[in-house]
Protein backbone atom coordinates (compact mmCIF):
# COMPACT_ATOMS: atom_id res chain seq x y z
CA UNK A 1 -0.05 -0.09 0.01
CA UNK A 2 1.06 3.51 -0.42
CA UNK A 3 1.07 6.00 2.47
CA UNK A 4 -1.21 8.96 2.08
CA UNK A 5 -0.36 12.05 4.30
CA UNK A 6 -3.27 14.29 5.22
CA UNK A 7 -2.19 17.84 6.22
CA UNK A 8 -3.99 20.30 8.79
CA UNK A 9 -2.88 23.78 8.15
CA UNK A 10 -3.60 24.60 12.00
CA UNK A 11 -4.75 28.06 10.90
CA UNK A 12 -1.25 29.15 9.41
CA UNK A 13 -1.47 31.95 7.12
CA UNK A 14 -1.48 32.30 4.08
CA UNK A 15 -4.03 29.69 3.46
CA UNK A 16 -2.80 28.59 0.16
CA UNK A 17 -2.05 25.20 -1.67
CA UNK A 18 1.65 25.74 -1.55
CA UNK A 19 1.70 26.44 2.23
CA UNK A 20 0.06 23.15 2.61
CA UNK A 21 2.31 21.38 0.23
CA UNK A 22 5.31 22.77 2.22
CA UNK A 23 3.79 21.65 5.52
CA UNK A 24 3.31 18.00 3.69
CA UNK A 25 6.83 18.04 2.60
CA UNK A 26 8.25 18.68 6.16
CA UNK A 27 6.51 15.42 7.14
CA UNK A 28 6.79 13.06 4.06
CA UNK A 29 9.15 10.33 3.99
CA UNK A 30 10.69 8.61 1.02
CA UNK A 31 12.85 9.64 -2.01
CA UNK A 32 9.71 10.41 -4.44
CA UNK A 33 7.08 13.12 -3.40
CA UNK A 34 3.78 12.99 -5.55
CA UNK A 35 1.05 15.67 -5.78
CA UNK A 36 -2.40 14.67 -6.61
CA UNK A 37 -5.57 16.48 -6.25
CA UNK A 38 -8.69 15.05 -4.34
CA UNK A 39 -10.53 14.35 -7.95
CA UNK A 40 -7.31 12.82 -9.62
CA UNK A 41 -7.74 9.26 -11.11
CA UNK A 42 -4.12 8.39 -11.89
CA UNK A 43 -3.51 5.64 -14.33
CA UNK A 44 -2.74 2.41 -12.42
CA UNK A 45 0.76 2.11 -13.89
CA UNK A 46 1.68 5.93 -13.13
CA UNK A 47 3.49 5.61 -10.04
CA UNK A 48 5.78 2.71 -11.41
CA UNK A 49 6.59 4.66 -14.66
CA UNK A 50 7.66 7.64 -12.68
CA UNK A 51 9.77 5.53 -10.19
CA UNK A 52 11.55 3.90 -13.20
CA UNK A 53 11.98 7.15 -14.89
CA UNK A 54 13.97 8.50 -11.97
CA UNK A 55 16.09 5.46 -11.58
CA UNK A 56 16.96 5.44 -15.49
CA UNK A 57 17.44 9.11 -15.98
CA UNK A 58 19.90 10.04 -13.14
CA UNK A 59 19.92 12.47 -10.33
CA UNK A 60 19.31 15.68 -12.56
CA UNK A 61 15.92 14.53 -13.20
CA UNK A 62 14.02 16.72 -10.60
CA UNK A 63 10.36 16.16 -11.68
CA UNK A 64 8.10 14.28 -14.01
CA UNK A 65 4.54 15.38 -14.79
CA UNK A 66 1.89 13.16 -15.69
CA UNK A 67 -0.49 14.38 -18.56
CA UNK A 68 -3.81 15.52 -17.35
CA UNK A 69 -6.98 14.82 -19.27
CA UNK A 70 -10.43 15.74 -18.38
CA UNK A 71 -13.40 13.23 -18.17
CA UNK A 72 -16.31 14.51 -20.21
CA UNK A 73 -19.74 13.11 -19.56
CA UNK A 74 -22.81 13.15 -21.62
CA UNK A 75 -24.14 16.16 -20.06
CA UNK A 76 -20.72 18.03 -20.17
CA UNK A 77 -21.13 21.76 -21.04
CA UNK A 78 -19.53 23.91 -23.45
CA UNK A 79 -17.17 25.42 -20.96
CA UNK A 80 -16.15 21.88 -19.94
CA UNK A 81 -15.40 21.05 -23.51
CA UNK A 82 -13.39 24.25 -23.91
CA UNK A 83 -11.47 23.29 -20.64
CA UNK A 84 -10.79 19.83 -21.90
CA UNK A 85 -9.35 21.28 -25.18
CA UNK A 86 -7.25 24.02 -23.10
CA UNK A 87 -5.77 20.67 -21.17
CA UNK A 88 -5.07 18.54 -24.40
CA UNK A 89 -3.42 21.64 -25.92
CA UNK A 90 -1.09 22.17 -22.86
CA UNK A 91 -0.47 18.48 -22.03
CA UNK A 92 -0.53 16.97 -25.56
CA UNK A 93 1.23 19.66 -27.48
CA UNK A 94 2.89 22.44 -25.82
CA UNK A 95 4.44 20.76 -22.93
CA UNK A 96 5.92 17.81 -25.07
CA UNK A 97 7.34 20.19 -27.58
CA UNK A 98 9.12 22.01 -24.73
CA UNK A 99 10.36 18.71 -23.17
CA UNK A 100 11.60 17.50 -26.55
CA UNK A 101 14.08 20.11 -26.74
CA UNK A 102 14.97 20.17 -23.15
CA UNK A 103 13.44 23.25 -22.01
CA UNK A 104 11.87 23.84 -18.64
CA UNK A 105 8.18 23.93 -18.61
CA UNK A 106 5.20 25.07 -16.47
CA UNK A 107 4.01 22.32 -14.41
CA UNK A 108 0.50 21.41 -13.88
CA UNK A 109 -0.99 21.84 -10.34
CA UNK A 110 -1.47 18.06 -10.03
CA UNK A 111 0.15 14.70 -10.88
CA UNK A 112 3.65 16.04 -10.34
CA UNK A 113 6.44 13.54 -9.08
CA UNK A 114 9.18 15.35 -7.61
CA UNK A 115 12.46 13.80 -6.49
CA UNK A 116 12.52 14.87 -2.76
CA UNK A 117 16.14 15.97 -2.32
CA UNK A 118 15.48 18.42 -5.51
CA UNK A 119 12.58 19.72 -3.92
CA UNK A 120 14.03 20.34 -0.60
CA UNK A 121 16.92 21.91 -2.42
CA UNK A 122 14.79 24.51 -4.20
CA UNK A 123 13.17 25.28 -0.83
CA UNK A 124 9.94 23.57 -1.27
CA UNK A 125 7.04 25.88 -2.96
CA UNK A 126 6.64 29.54 -2.67
CA UNK A 127 3.48 29.78 -0.16
CA UNK A 128 2.48 33.30 -1.46
CA UNK A 129 2.64 32.23 -5.07
CA UNK A 130 -0.71 31.16 -6.70
CA UNK A 131 0.84 29.79 -9.67
CA UNK A 132 3.25 27.59 -7.50
CA UNK A 133 2.75 24.59 -9.89
CA UNK A 134 4.00 26.42 -12.92
CA UNK A 135 6.74 28.29 -10.87
CA UNK A 136 8.52 25.44 -9.16
CA UNK A 137 9.31 23.67 -12.62
CA UNK A 138 11.41 26.51 -13.34
CA UNK A 139 13.04 27.02 -10.00
CA UNK A 140 14.20 23.39 -10.32
CA UNK A 141 15.43 24.33 -13.64
CA UNK A 142 17.60 27.32 -12.19
CA UNK A 143 19.35 24.79 -10.05
CA UNK A 144 20.11 22.49 -13.01
CA UNK A 145 17.38 19.97 -12.61
CA UNK A 146 15.35 18.75 -15.85
CA UNK A 147 11.61 18.07 -15.90
CA UNK A 148 10.00 15.32 -18.14
CA UNK A 149 6.54 14.21 -18.93
CA UNK A 150 5.04 10.73 -18.33
CA UNK A 151 3.20 8.84 -20.86
CA UNK A 152 0.59 7.31 -18.25
CA UNK A 153 -2.24 10.05 -17.80
CA UNK A 154 -4.07 11.29 -14.61
CA UNK A 155 -7.98 11.79 -15.48
CA UNK A 156 -9.86 14.56 -13.84
CA UNK A 157 -13.61 14.94 -13.60
């Protein structure tokens, strides 16, 4: 089984996701730290793919991002379809293009798999930054870490 850590912010400010992620990072154990949102449904082989990627690509691989895909039901709205197309453009076209030439890229807010020591070295997430997900990929790159994309997606509803 995979341990899951629930974090209580105890009223600390600011009340942001990156602040909660930093609190979790202080308590987390293990070499790989993964961020999922509550509604995420990761592919069953995603964690294994990430672990193999970290072992095979070396210590300069700081993070791997799973592609995010939106589940659309029969009663999905036009806005939900547009949101799905936006995710598809980002995770299936833009990010793979950046990764293919070795450029850093903005991470999504979920399904990020970090090398723990890289995350600690960069100082975790900026607790006041509402785009902490996009920011941390570039912060890792500043320290010489690479980012890659996984093949196995995460589905969101």
